[in-house]
Amino acid sequence: MRTKTARRALSVTALVAAGLALTACGPHDPAGAAGPSSGGSNATQSSTGGTTSASNGSAAQSGTGSSSGTGSAGTGSSGSSSAACHTANLSFSSSWGMAEGEALINMKNIGSTTCSMHGFPGVDLKGRDGTVSAARSTTTVPTVSLSPGQTTHFTLHFPPNHTGGSGVTFTDVVVTPPNETHSHTMSLGINVPADSNSSPAITVDPVGAGK
């Protein structure tokens, strides 16, 4: 009798252990992966000294945000005898272009002397799904000279989201003027199709192009 009872106890213990092992090996949810992209709407926003404000338009538009730091720098050699425009001497604002899928990033010389820019800016779009760096367009690069108080701009191109889905939304843009190492972060709401990261659909023109 004692032998049978012991065998029954061992069988129950083995079944419980097997159940625990199966539970421990069950599936679990992996961490969500970040996915980049960007898209646009019609709004206007402005910033001075790193502060921006935005008004909503046809696409997702963010509120106020600011900061400055180090980002991806645009390159290009200066074609003017005046000193290069530094990030600290520029104020930044944004507006929407004439065509859908275009955002204009405006830069105003708030310094006391004339400065120049020649080249492509560095542009990184950021959102909860990740970060995307805009590719350079094939537009010819002009040289821009800015007297104190003057403004220039560059154009950011992106595919508008007409898929009917939520797409991918960016809430901030990090801008680095040509030949600079310091960047400026400003609020900009852009929404693009979720699959736009499969091709270089987000591009940026050189500073001063298309004026």
N, C-alpha and C. Protein backbone atom coordinates (compact mmCIF):
# COMPACT_ATOMS: atom_id res chain seq x y z
N MET A 1 0.83 -1.21 0.00
CA MET A 1 0.00 0.00 0.00
C MET A 1 0.86 1.26 0.00
N ARG A 2 1.90 1.27 0.79
CA ARG A 2 2.77 2.45 0.83
C ARG A 2 3.41 2.67 -0.53
N THR A 3 3.77 1.58 -1.24
CA THR A 3 4.41 1.73 -2.57
C THR A 3 3.44 2.37 -3.57
N LYS A 4 2.18 1.90 -3.58
CA LYS A 4 1.18 2.48 -4.49
C LYS A 4 0.95 3.95 -4.19
N THR A 5 0.84 4.29 -2.92
CA THR A 5 0.61 5.69 -2.53
C THR A 5 1.76 6.57 -2.97
N ALA A 6 2.98 6.07 -2.81
CA ALA A 6 4.17 6.84 -3.22
C ALA A 6 4.18 7.05 -4.71
N ARG A 7 3.80 5.99 -5.46
CA ARG A 7 3.77 6.13 -6.92
C ARG A 7 2.74 7.17 -7.35
N ARG A 8 1.55 7.17 -6.70
CA ARG A 8 0.54 8.16 -7.04
C ARG A 8 1.05 9.58 -6.75
N ALA A 9 1.72 9.78 -5.64
CA ALA A 9 2.26 11.10 -5.30
C ALA A 9 3.28 11.55 -6.31
N LEU A 10 4.13 10.64 -6.74
CA LEU A 10 5.14 10.99 -7.76
C LEU A 10 4.48 11.38 -9.08
N SER A 11 3.39 10.67 -9.46
CA SER A 11 2.70 10.97 -10.72
C SER A 11 2.09 12.36 -10.68
N VAL A 12 1.45 12.76 -9.58
CA VAL A 12 0.85 14.09 -9.44
C VAL A 12 1.91 15.16 -9.50
N THR A 13 3.02 14.91 -8.81
CA THR A 13 4.13 15.89 -8.82
C THR A 13 4.66 16.09 -10.23
N ALA A 14 4.81 15.01 -11.00
CA ALA A 14 5.33 15.10 -12.37
C ALA A 14 4.39 15.89 -13.26
N LEU A 15 3.06 15.71 -13.09
CA LEU A 15 2.09 16.44 -13.90
C LEU A 15 2.13 17.93 -13.60
N VAL A 16 2.24 18.31 -12.34
CA VAL A 16 2.31 19.72 -11.96
C VAL A 16 3.55 20.35 -12.53
N ALA A 17 4.68 19.64 -12.44
CA ALA A 17 5.94 20.17 -12.97
C ALA A 17 5.87 20.36 -14.47
N ALA A 18 5.22 19.41 -15.16
CA ALA A 18 5.09 19.54 -16.62
C ALA A 18 4.23 20.74 -16.99
N GLY A 19 3.15 20.98 -16.22
CA GLY A 19 2.29 22.12 -16.49
C GLY A 19 3.02 23.44 -16.31
N LEU A 20 3.84 23.51 -15.25
CA LEU A 20 4.63 24.73 -15.02
C LEU A 20 5.61 24.95 -16.13
N ALA A 21 6.22 23.88 -16.63
CA ALA A 21 7.20 24.01 -17.72
C ALA A 21 6.54 24.53 -18.97
N LEU A 22 5.33 24.05 -19.28
CA LEU A 22 4.62 24.52 -20.47
C LEU A 22 4.24 25.99 -20.33
N THR A 23 3.82 26.38 -19.12
CA THR A 23 3.47 27.79 -18.90
C THR A 23 4.66 28.69 -19.08
N ALA A 24 5.83 28.28 -18.58
CA ALA A 24 7.04 29.09 -18.68
C ALA A 24 7.51 29.23 -20.11
N CYS A 25 7.22 28.25 -20.95
CA CYS A 25 7.68 28.27 -22.35
C CYS A 25 6.66 28.89 -23.28
N GLY A 26 5.52 29.42 -22.77
CA GLY A 26 4.48 29.97 -23.61
C GLY A 26 4.93 31.23 -24.32
N PRO A 27 4.22 31.68 -25.36
CA PRO A 27 4.62 32.85 -26.14
C PRO A 27 4.46 34.14 -25.36
N HIS A 28 5.22 35.11 -25.69
CA HIS A 28 5.11 36.42 -25.07
C HIS A 28 5.25 37.49 -26.16
N ASP A 29 4.74 38.70 -25.87
CA ASP A 29 4.76 39.77 -26.85
C ASP A 29 6.13 40.42 -26.89
N PRO A 30 6.74 40.57 -28.09
CA PRO A 30 8.03 41.26 -28.20
C PRO A 30 7.84 42.76 -28.08
N ALA A 31 8.92 43.46 -27.81
CA ALA A 31 8.85 44.91 -27.72
C ALA A 31 8.51 45.49 -29.08
N GLY A 32 7.70 46.58 -29.11
CA GLY A 32 7.32 47.20 -30.37
C GLY A 32 8.52 47.81 -31.07
N ALA A 33 8.57 47.66 -32.40
CA ALA A 33 9.68 48.21 -33.17
C ALA A 33 9.34 49.61 -33.65
N ALA A 34 10.32 50.48 -33.64
CA ALA A 34 10.10 51.84 -34.11
C ALA A 34 10.13 51.89 -35.62
N GLY A 35 9.21 52.64 -36.24
CA GLY A 35 9.18 52.77 -37.69
C GLY A 35 9.09 54.22 -38.09
N PRO A 36 9.98 54.63 -38.96
CA PRO A 36 9.99 56.04 -39.36
C PRO A 36 9.09 56.38 -40.53
N SER A 37 8.83 57.63 -40.78
CA SER A 37 8.21 58.23 -41.97
C SER A 37 7.73 59.64 -41.71
N SER A 38 7.10 60.35 -42.68
CA SER A 38 6.64 61.71 -42.47
C SER A 38 5.63 62.18 -43.50
N GLY A 39 4.71 63.10 -43.16
CA GLY A 39 3.69 63.59 -44.06
C GLY A 39 3.20 64.93 -43.63
N GLY A 40 2.36 65.64 -44.32
CA GLY A 40 2.15 67.04 -44.01
C GLY A 40 0.74 67.55 -44.02
N SER A 41 0.60 68.83 -43.77
CA SER A 41 -0.64 69.54 -43.68
C SER A 41 -0.39 71.01 -43.87
N ASN A 42 -1.42 71.83 -43.70
CA ASN A 42 -1.23 73.26 -43.89
C ASN A 42 -1.27 73.97 -42.55
N ALA A 43 -0.17 74.61 -42.18
CA ALA A 43 -0.10 75.33 -40.92
C ALA A 43 1.00 76.33 -41.01
N THR A 44 1.05 77.20 -40.00
CA THR A 44 2.13 78.16 -39.94
C THR A 44 2.66 78.17 -38.53
N GLN A 45 3.97 78.19 -38.35
CA GLN A 45 4.54 78.24 -37.03
C GLN A 45 5.80 79.07 -37.08
N SER A 46 6.14 79.67 -35.96
CA SER A 46 7.32 80.52 -35.92
C SER A 46 8.08 80.30 -34.64
N SER A 47 9.38 80.63 -34.65
CA SER A 47 10.20 80.50 -33.46
C SER A 47 11.32 81.49 -33.48
N THR A 48 11.67 81.98 -32.32
CA THR A 48 12.83 82.83 -32.15
C THR A 48 13.57 82.37 -30.92
N GLY A 49 14.87 82.14 -31.07
CA GLY A 49 15.66 81.68 -29.95
C GLY A 49 15.28 80.28 -29.52
N GLY A 50 14.73 79.48 -30.42
CA GLY A 50 14.48 78.08 -30.09
C GLY A 50 13.07 77.78 -29.68
N THR A 51 12.11 78.71 -29.74
CA THR A 51 10.74 78.45 -29.35
C THR A 51 9.84 78.53 -30.56
N THR A 52 8.95 77.58 -30.72
CA THR A 52 8.09 77.58 -31.89
C THR A 52 6.64 77.45 -31.49
N SER A 53 5.75 77.93 -32.34
CA SER A 53 4.32 77.76 -32.13
C SER A 53 3.71 77.32 -33.44
N ALA A 54 2.64 76.50 -33.38
CA ALA A 54 2.06 75.96 -34.61
C ALA A 54 0.56 76.10 -34.60
N SER A 55 -0.05 76.35 -35.77
CA SER A 55 -1.49 76.35 -35.93
C SER A 55 -1.86 75.25 -36.88
N ASN A 56 -2.94 74.53 -36.57
CA ASN A 56 -3.27 73.32 -37.32
C ASN A 56 -3.72 73.62 -38.73
N GLY A 57 -3.49 72.62 -39.63
CA GLY A 57 -3.88 72.75 -41.03
C GLY A 57 -4.51 71.47 -41.50
N SER A 58 -4.21 71.05 -42.73
CA SER A 58 -4.88 69.91 -43.33
C SER A 58 -4.37 68.59 -42.81
N ALA A 59 -3.22 68.56 -42.16
CA ALA A 59 -2.69 67.30 -41.63
C ALA A 59 -2.39 67.50 -40.17
N ALA A 60 -1.79 66.44 -39.53
CA ALA A 60 -1.48 66.51 -38.12
C ALA A 60 -0.50 67.64 -37.87
N GLN A 61 -0.78 68.47 -36.86
CA GLN A 61 0.09 69.61 -36.56
C GLN A 61 0.36 69.63 -35.07
N SER A 62 1.61 69.78 -34.69
CA SER A 62 1.95 69.73 -33.28
C SER A 62 1.85 71.10 -32.66
N GLY A 63 2.02 71.16 -31.34
CA GLY A 63 1.95 72.40 -30.61
C GLY A 63 3.30 73.06 -30.50
N THR A 64 3.61 73.58 -29.32
CA THR A 64 4.84 74.34 -29.15
C THR A 64 5.96 73.44 -28.66
N GLY A 65 7.15 73.67 -29.15
CA GLY A 65 8.28 72.89 -28.70
C GLY A 65 9.56 73.57 -29.12
N SER A 66 10.62 73.35 -28.34
CA SER A 66 11.88 73.96 -28.72
C SER A 66 13.04 73.23 -28.09
N SER A 67 14.23 73.47 -28.65
CA SER A 67 15.49 73.01 -28.09
C SER A 67 16.54 73.20 -29.13
N SER A 68 17.77 73.14 -28.70
CA SER A 68 18.86 73.18 -29.65
C SER A 68 19.97 72.28 -29.16
N GLY A 69 20.69 71.69 -30.08
CA GLY A 69 21.75 70.78 -29.70
C GLY A 69 22.58 70.47 -30.90
N THR A 70 23.05 69.25 -31.00
CA THR A 70 23.87 68.86 -32.12
C THR A 70 23.12 67.85 -32.96
N GLY A 71 23.08 68.04 -34.26
CA GLY A 71 22.34 67.15 -35.15
C GLY A 71 23.13 66.91 -36.41
N SER A 72 22.46 66.32 -37.40
CA SER A 72 23.13 66.04 -38.66
C SER A 72 23.33 67.33 -39.42
N ALA A 73 24.54 67.62 -39.84
CA ALA A 73 24.84 68.90 -40.46
C ALA A 73 24.76 68.83 -41.96
N GLY A 74 24.22 69.89 -42.58
CA GLY A 74 24.23 70.00 -44.02
C GLY A 74 25.63 70.41 -44.48
N THR A 75 26.04 69.97 -45.65
CA THR A 75 27.37 70.29 -46.12
C THR A 75 27.32 71.12 -47.38
N GLY A 76 28.41 71.72 -47.73
CA GLY A 76 28.49 72.59 -48.90
C GLY A 76 29.50 73.68 -48.62
N SER A 77 30.23 74.14 -49.62
CA SER A 77 31.22 75.17 -49.40
C SER A 77 30.61 76.54 -49.62
N SER A 78 31.00 77.51 -48.81
CA SER A 78 30.45 78.84 -48.91
C SER A 78 30.97 79.54 -50.15
N GLY A 79 30.04 80.21 -50.86
CA GLY A 79 30.45 80.91 -52.06
C GLY A 79 30.41 82.42 -51.86
N SER A 80 30.42 82.87 -50.58
CA SER A 80 30.36 84.30 -50.31
C SER A 80 31.49 84.70 -49.40
N SER A 81 31.91 85.98 -49.48
CA SER A 81 32.99 86.47 -48.63
C SER A 81 32.51 86.75 -47.22
N SER A 82 31.18 86.84 -46.99
CA SER A 82 30.66 87.09 -45.65
C SER A 82 30.75 85.82 -44.82
N ALA A 83 30.72 85.99 -43.52
CA ALA A 83 30.83 84.85 -42.61
C ALA A 83 29.62 83.94 -42.74
N ALA A 84 29.82 82.67 -42.42
CA ALA A 84 28.72 81.72 -42.48
C ALA A 84 27.68 82.04 -41.41
N CYS A 85 26.42 81.78 -41.73
CA CYS A 85 25.34 81.98 -40.76
C CYS A 85 25.40 80.89 -39.69
N HIS A 86 25.44 81.30 -38.44
CA HIS A 86 25.48 80.35 -37.34
C HIS A 86 24.07 80.14 -36.78
N THR A 87 23.82 78.95 -36.27
CA THR A 87 22.50 78.62 -35.73
C THR A 87 22.06 79.60 -34.66
N ALA A 88 22.99 80.01 -33.81
CA ALA A 88 22.65 80.93 -32.71
C ALA A 88 22.19 82.29 -33.21
N ASN A 89 22.53 82.65 -34.46
CA ASN A 89 22.14 83.95 -35.01
C ASN A 89 20.98 83.85 -35.98
N LEU A 90 20.25 82.75 -35.91
CA LEU A 90 19.10 82.55 -36.79
C LEU A 90 17.85 82.26 -35.96
N SER A 91 16.72 82.78 -36.41
CA SER A 91 15.44 82.38 -35.84
C SER A 91 14.74 81.50 -36.87
N PHE A 92 13.96 80.55 -36.41
CA PHE A 92 13.36 79.55 -37.29
C PHE A 92 11.84 79.60 -37.20
N SER A 93 11.20 79.42 -38.34
CA SER A 93 9.74 79.30 -38.39
C SER A 93 9.38 78.38 -39.55
N SER A 94 8.13 77.98 -39.62
CA SER A 94 7.71 77.10 -40.71
C SER A 94 6.37 77.54 -41.26
N SER A 95 6.13 77.20 -42.50
CA SER A 95 4.85 77.45 -43.16
C SER A 95 4.67 76.36 -44.21
N TRP A 96 3.47 76.25 -44.75
CA TRP A 96 3.20 75.21 -45.73
C TRP A 96 3.33 75.76 -47.14
N GLY A 97 3.90 74.97 -48.03
CA GLY A 97 4.12 75.39 -49.40
C GLY A 97 2.85 75.46 -50.22
N MET A 98 2.98 75.89 -51.46
CA MET A 98 1.84 76.00 -52.35
C MET A 98 1.30 74.63 -52.73
N ALA A 99 2.17 73.64 -52.83
CA ALA A 99 1.75 72.29 -53.19
C ALA A 99 1.58 71.43 -51.95
N GLU A 100 0.69 70.45 -52.04
CA GLU A 100 0.51 69.52 -50.94
C GLU A 100 1.79 68.70 -50.78
N GLY A 101 2.15 68.44 -49.53
CA GLY A 101 3.36 67.67 -49.28
C GLY A 101 4.62 68.52 -49.29
N GLU A 102 4.48 69.83 -49.07
CA GLU A 102 5.63 70.72 -48.99
C GLU A 102 5.56 71.56 -47.71
N ALA A 103 6.66 71.58 -46.98
CA ALA A 103 6.79 72.45 -45.80
C ALA A 103 7.99 73.36 -46.01
N LEU A 104 7.82 74.64 -45.72
CA LEU A 104 8.91 75.59 -45.84
C LEU A 104 9.49 75.87 -44.45
N ILE A 105 10.78 75.73 -44.33
CA ILE A 105 11.46 76.08 -43.09
C ILE A 105 12.18 77.41 -43.32
N ASN A 106 11.74 78.44 -42.60
CA ASN A 106 12.27 79.79 -42.78
C ASN A 106 13.35 80.08 -41.74
N MET A 107 14.41 80.76 -42.18
CA MET A 107 15.51 81.12 -41.28
C MET A 107 15.81 82.61 -41.44
N LYS A 108 15.73 83.34 -40.34
CA LYS A 108 15.92 84.79 -40.34
C LYS A 108 17.23 85.15 -39.63
N ASN A 109 17.99 86.03 -40.23
CA ASN A 109 19.24 86.48 -39.63
C ASN A 109 18.92 87.49 -38.53
N ILE A 110 19.11 87.08 -37.28
CA ILE A 110 18.86 87.98 -36.15
C ILE A 110 20.17 88.50 -35.58
N GLY A 111 21.27 88.26 -36.29
CA GLY A 111 22.57 88.78 -35.87
C GLY A 111 22.74 90.22 -36.29
N SER A 112 23.90 90.77 -35.97
CA SER A 112 24.17 92.18 -36.26
C SER A 112 24.97 92.38 -37.53
N THR A 113 25.41 91.29 -38.17
CA THR A 113 26.21 91.39 -39.39
C THR A 113 25.64 90.48 -40.48
N THR A 114 26.03 90.77 -41.72
CA THR A 114 25.59 89.94 -42.85
C THR A 114 26.27 88.57 -42.78
N CYS A 115 25.51 87.53 -43.11
CA CYS A 115 26.07 86.17 -43.13
C CYS A 115 25.59 85.46 -44.39
N SER A 116 26.18 84.33 -44.70
CA SER A 116 25.81 83.61 -45.92
C SER A 116 25.64 82.13 -45.66
N MET A 117 24.87 81.48 -46.53
CA MET A 117 24.67 80.03 -46.48
C MET A 117 24.77 79.46 -47.88
N HIS A 118 25.37 78.30 -48.00
CA HIS A 118 25.51 77.63 -49.30
C HIS A 118 25.51 76.12 -49.05
N GLY A 119 24.45 75.44 -49.46
CA GLY A 119 24.40 74.00 -49.29
C GLY A 119 23.06 73.49 -48.81
N PHE A 120 23.05 72.21 -48.48
CA PHE A 120 21.84 71.56 -47.97
C PHE A 120 21.84 71.59 -46.44
N PRO A 121 20.69 71.84 -45.85
CA PRO A 121 20.59 71.72 -44.40
C PRO A 121 20.46 70.26 -44.00
N GLY A 122 20.82 69.96 -42.77
CA GLY A 122 20.51 68.64 -42.23
C GLY A 122 19.10 68.68 -41.66
N VAL A 123 18.27 67.70 -41.98
CA VAL A 123 16.88 67.68 -41.52
C VAL A 123 16.54 66.29 -41.01
N ASP A 124 16.18 66.20 -39.73
CA ASP A 124 15.74 64.95 -39.13
C ASP A 124 14.31 65.13 -38.62
N LEU A 125 13.42 64.23 -39.02
CA LEU A 125 12.04 64.25 -38.55
C LEU A 125 11.91 63.24 -37.42
N LYS A 126 11.30 63.68 -36.33
CA LYS A 126 11.19 62.81 -35.15
C LYS A 126 9.74 62.65 -34.71
N GLY A 127 9.42 61.45 -34.24
CA GLY A 127 8.09 61.15 -33.70
C GLY A 127 8.18 59.93 -32.83
N ARG A 128 7.04 59.51 -32.31
CA ARG A 128 7.05 58.36 -31.40
C ARG A 128 7.43 57.07 -32.10
N ASP A 129 7.28 57.04 -33.44
CA ASP A 129 7.62 55.83 -34.19
C ASP A 129 9.08 55.80 -34.63
N GLY A 130 9.84 56.86 -34.37
CA GLY A 130 11.24 56.85 -34.75
C GLY A 130 11.68 58.14 -35.40
N THR A 131 12.84 58.10 -36.03
CA THR A 131 13.45 59.27 -36.65
C THR A 131 13.81 58.96 -38.10
N VAL A 132 13.58 59.93 -38.99
CA VAL A 132 13.93 59.79 -40.40
C VAL A 132 14.74 61.01 -40.81
N SER A 133 15.83 60.79 -41.53
CA SER A 133 16.63 61.88 -42.08
C SER A 133 16.22 62.11 -43.53
N ALA A 134 15.95 63.35 -43.86
CA ALA A 134 15.53 63.68 -45.23
C ALA A 134 16.71 63.53 -46.19
N ALA A 135 16.45 62.97 -47.36
CA ALA A 135 17.47 62.83 -48.40
C ALA A 135 17.57 64.13 -49.19
N ARG A 136 18.72 64.38 -49.81
CA ARG A 136 18.91 65.59 -50.59
C ARG A 136 18.27 65.45 -51.98
N SER A 137 17.68 66.53 -52.44
CA SER A 137 17.12 66.55 -53.79
C SER A 137 18.26 66.82 -54.78
N THR A 138 17.91 66.89 -56.05
CA THR A 138 18.91 67.17 -57.09
C THR A 138 18.90 68.63 -57.52
N THR A 139 18.25 69.48 -56.73
CA THR A 139 18.15 70.90 -57.06
C THR A 139 19.51 71.59 -56.97
N THR A 140 19.77 72.53 -57.89
CA THR A 140 21.01 73.29 -57.90
C THR A 140 21.14 74.12 -56.63
N VAL A 141 22.36 74.17 -56.10
CA VAL A 141 22.61 74.87 -54.84
C VAL A 141 23.00 76.33 -55.09
N PRO A 142 22.21 77.28 -54.60
CA PRO A 142 22.59 78.70 -54.73
C PRO A 142 23.36 79.16 -53.48
N THR A 143 23.96 80.32 -53.56
CA THR A 143 24.57 80.95 -52.39
C THR A 143 23.64 82.06 -51.92
N VAL A 144 23.35 82.07 -50.62
CA VAL A 144 22.41 83.03 -50.05
C VAL A 144 23.16 83.95 -49.10
N SER A 145 23.00 85.25 -49.27
CA SER A 145 23.57 86.24 -48.37
C SER A 145 22.44 86.93 -47.63
N LEU A 146 22.52 86.94 -46.31
CA LEU A 146 21.46 87.51 -45.48
C LEU A 146 21.97 88.70 -44.69
N SER A 147 21.41 89.87 -44.96
CA SER A 147 21.68 91.04 -44.12
C SER A 147 20.88 90.89 -42.83
N PRO A 148 21.25 91.61 -41.79
CA PRO A 148 20.47 91.54 -40.54
C PRO A 148 18.99 91.80 -40.80
N GLY A 149 18.14 90.91 -40.31
CA GLY A 149 16.70 91.05 -40.49
C GLY A 149 16.14 90.35 -41.72
N GLN A 150 17.00 89.88 -42.63
CA GLN A 150 16.52 89.20 -43.83
C GLN A 150 16.25 87.71 -43.55
N THR A 151 15.38 87.13 -44.39
CA THR A 151 14.96 85.73 -44.21
C THR A 151 15.15 84.93 -45.48
N THR A 152 15.53 83.69 -45.35
CA THR A 152 15.56 82.75 -46.46
C THR A 152 14.84 81.48 -46.01
N HIS A 153 14.73 80.51 -46.90
CA HIS A 153 14.05 79.28 -46.53
C HIS A 153 14.57 78.11 -47.36
N PHE A 154 14.17 76.91 -46.95
CA PHE A 154 14.35 75.72 -47.78
C PHE A 154 13.06 74.92 -47.73
N THR A 155 12.88 74.04 -48.70
CA THR A 155 11.64 73.27 -48.81
C THR A 155 11.86 71.81 -48.45
N LEU A 156 10.96 71.29 -47.62
CA LEU A 156 10.94 69.87 -47.26
C LEU A 156 9.79 69.22 -48.02
N HIS A 157 10.08 68.14 -48.75
CA HIS A 157 9.06 67.43 -49.54
C HIS A 157 8.75 66.09 -48.87
N PHE A 158 7.47 65.74 -48.82
CA PHE A 158 7.06 64.48 -48.20
C PHE A 158 5.77 63.98 -48.87
N PRO A 159 5.52 62.66 -48.83
CA PRO A 159 4.30 62.12 -49.43
C PRO A 159 3.11 62.26 -48.48
N PRO A 160 2.07 63.00 -48.84
CA PRO A 160 0.90 63.12 -47.97
C PRO A 160 0.24 61.75 -47.78
N ASN A 161 -0.38 61.56 -46.64
CA ASN A 161 -1.03 60.29 -46.35
C ASN A 161 -2.48 60.31 -46.83
N HIS A 162 -2.74 59.62 -47.96
CA HIS A 162 -4.10 59.49 -48.48
C HIS A 162 -4.57 58.03 -48.45
N THR A 163 -3.95 57.23 -47.62
CA THR A 163 -4.25 55.80 -47.59
C THR A 163 -5.51 55.47 -46.81
N GLY A 164 -5.95 56.39 -45.97
CA GLY A 164 -7.09 56.11 -45.12
C GLY A 164 -6.69 55.51 -43.80
N GLY A 165 -5.42 55.12 -43.67
CA GLY A 165 -4.92 54.58 -42.42
C GLY A 165 -4.27 55.67 -41.58
N SER A 166 -3.83 55.30 -40.39
CA SER A 166 -3.25 56.30 -39.49
C SER A 166 -1.88 56.76 -39.95
N GLY A 167 -1.18 55.94 -40.74
CA GLY A 167 0.14 56.33 -41.23
C GLY A 167 1.14 56.49 -40.11
N VAL A 168 2.16 57.29 -40.37
CA VAL A 168 3.20 57.59 -39.39
C VAL A 168 3.26 59.09 -39.20
N THR A 169 3.27 59.53 -37.96
CA THR A 169 3.25 60.95 -37.65
C THR A 169 4.56 61.40 -37.02
N PHE A 170 5.10 62.50 -37.52
CA PHE A 170 6.25 63.15 -36.92
C PHE A 170 5.78 64.44 -36.26
N THR A 171 6.36 64.77 -35.13
CA THR A 171 5.93 65.95 -34.38
C THR A 171 7.01 67.02 -34.30
N ASP A 172 8.26 66.67 -34.60
CA ASP A 172 9.35 67.63 -34.50
C ASP A 172 10.30 67.50 -35.68
N VAL A 173 10.94 68.60 -36.01
CA VAL A 173 11.97 68.59 -37.05
C VAL A 173 13.23 69.22 -36.47
N VAL A 174 14.36 68.54 -36.67
CA VAL A 174 15.66 69.03 -36.21
C VAL A 174 16.41 69.57 -37.42
N VAL A 175 16.73 70.87 -37.40
CA VAL A 175 17.34 71.54 -38.55
C VAL A 175 18.77 71.95 -38.20
N THR A 176 19.70 71.60 -39.08
CA THR A 176 21.09 72.05 -38.96
C THR A 176 21.44 72.84 -40.20
N PRO A 177 21.69 74.14 -40.10
CA PRO A 177 22.05 74.94 -41.27
C PRO A 177 23.32 74.42 -41.94
N PRO A 178 23.52 74.72 -43.23
CA PRO A 178 24.72 74.26 -43.93
C PRO A 178 26.00 74.69 -43.21
N ASN A 179 26.96 73.77 -43.17
CA ASN A 179 28.28 74.02 -42.58
C ASN A 179 28.22 74.37 -41.10
N GLU A 180 27.14 73.97 -40.43
CA GLU A 180 27.01 74.19 -38.99
C GLU A 180 27.01 72.85 -38.27
N THR A 181 27.35 72.87 -36.99
CA THR A 181 27.32 71.65 -36.18
C THR A 181 26.26 71.71 -35.09
N HIS A 182 25.65 72.88 -34.90
CA HIS A 182 24.58 73.02 -33.91
C HIS A 182 23.22 73.04 -34.61
N SER A 183 22.28 72.34 -34.03
CA SER A 183 20.96 72.21 -34.64
C SER A 183 19.90 72.94 -33.83
N HIS A 184 18.75 73.09 -34.45
CA HIS A 184 17.60 73.71 -33.82
C HIS A 184 16.40 72.79 -33.98
N THR A 185 15.72 72.49 -32.88
CA THR A 185 14.54 71.62 -32.91
C THR A 185 13.28 72.46 -32.81
N MET A 186 12.36 72.21 -33.72
CA MET A 186 11.10 72.95 -33.72
C MET A 186 9.93 72.00 -33.95
N SER A 187 8.75 72.41 -33.53
CA SER A 187 7.55 71.60 -33.71
C SER A 187 7.07 71.66 -35.15
N LEU A 188 6.74 70.51 -35.70
CA LEU A 188 6.18 70.45 -37.05
C LEU A 188 5.44 69.12 -37.19
N GLY A 189 4.13 69.17 -37.37
CA GLY A 189 3.33 67.95 -37.48
C GLY A 189 3.21 67.49 -38.92
N ILE A 190 3.73 66.31 -39.20
CA ILE A 190 3.71 65.75 -40.56
C ILE A 190 3.25 64.29 -40.48
N ASN A 191 2.33 63.90 -41.37
CA ASN A 191 1.83 62.53 -41.39
C ASN A 191 2.01 61.94 -42.78
N VAL A 192 2.64 60.77 -42.86
CA VAL A 192 2.91 60.13 -44.14
C VAL A 192 2.39 58.70 -44.13
N PRO A 193 2.27 58.08 -45.30
CA PRO A 193 1.85 56.67 -45.34
C PRO A 193 2.83 55.79 -44.57
N ALA A 194 2.32 54.72 -44.01
CA ALA A 194 3.14 53.85 -43.17
C ALA A 194 4.25 53.18 -43.96
N ASP A 195 4.10 53.01 -45.28
CA ASP A 195 5.12 52.32 -46.07
C ASP A 195 6.07 53.28 -46.76
N SER A 196 6.05 54.58 -46.41
CA SER A 196 6.88 55.55 -47.12
C SER A 196 8.36 55.38 -46.83
N ASN A 197 8.69 54.60 -45.79
CA ASN A 197 10.10 54.39 -45.48
C ASN A 197 10.76 53.43 -46.46
N SER A 198 9.97 52.78 -47.32
CA SER A 198 10.53 51.82 -48.27
C SER A 198 11.26 52.50 -49.41
N SER A 199 11.11 53.81 -49.57
CA SER A 199 11.82 54.57 -50.61
C SER A 199 12.17 55.93 -50.07
N PRO A 200 13.16 56.61 -50.68
CA PRO A 200 13.56 57.94 -50.18
C PRO A 200 12.54 59.00 -50.56
N ALA A 201 11.35 58.90 -50.00
CA ALA A 201 10.25 59.78 -50.38
C ALA A 201 10.32 61.14 -49.70
N ILE A 202 11.08 61.27 -48.63
CA ILE A 202 11.19 62.52 -47.90
C ILE A 202 12.50 63.18 -48.29
N THR A 203 12.43 64.34 -48.96
CA THR A 203 13.63 65.00 -49.46
C THR A 203 13.66 66.46 -49.04
N VAL A 204 14.85 67.05 -49.12
CA VAL A 204 15.02 68.46 -48.78
C VAL A 204 15.80 69.17 -49.88
N ASP A 205 15.38 70.40 -50.20
CA ASP A 205 16.08 71.23 -51.18
C ASP A 205 17.16 72.05 -50.46
N PRO A 206 18.14 72.56 -51.21
CA PRO A 206 19.15 73.42 -50.61
C PRO A 206 18.56 74.75 -50.13
N VAL A 207 19.25 75.39 -49.22
CA VAL A 207 18.80 76.68 -48.71
C VAL A 207 18.76 77.71 -49.85
N GLY A 208 17.65 78.43 -49.94
CA GLY A 208 17.52 79.49 -50.93
C GLY A 208 17.04 79.06 -52.29
N ALA A 209 16.83 77.77 -52.52
CA ALA A 209 16.37 77.29 -53.81
C ALA A 209 14.90 77.60 -54.02
N GLY A 210 14.53 77.97 -55.25
CA GLY A 210 13.14 78.19 -55.60
C GLY A 210 12.58 79.52 -55.13
N LYS A 211 13.44 80.47 -54.77
CA LYS A 211 12.95 81.78 -54.32
C LYS A 211 12.50 82.63 -55.51
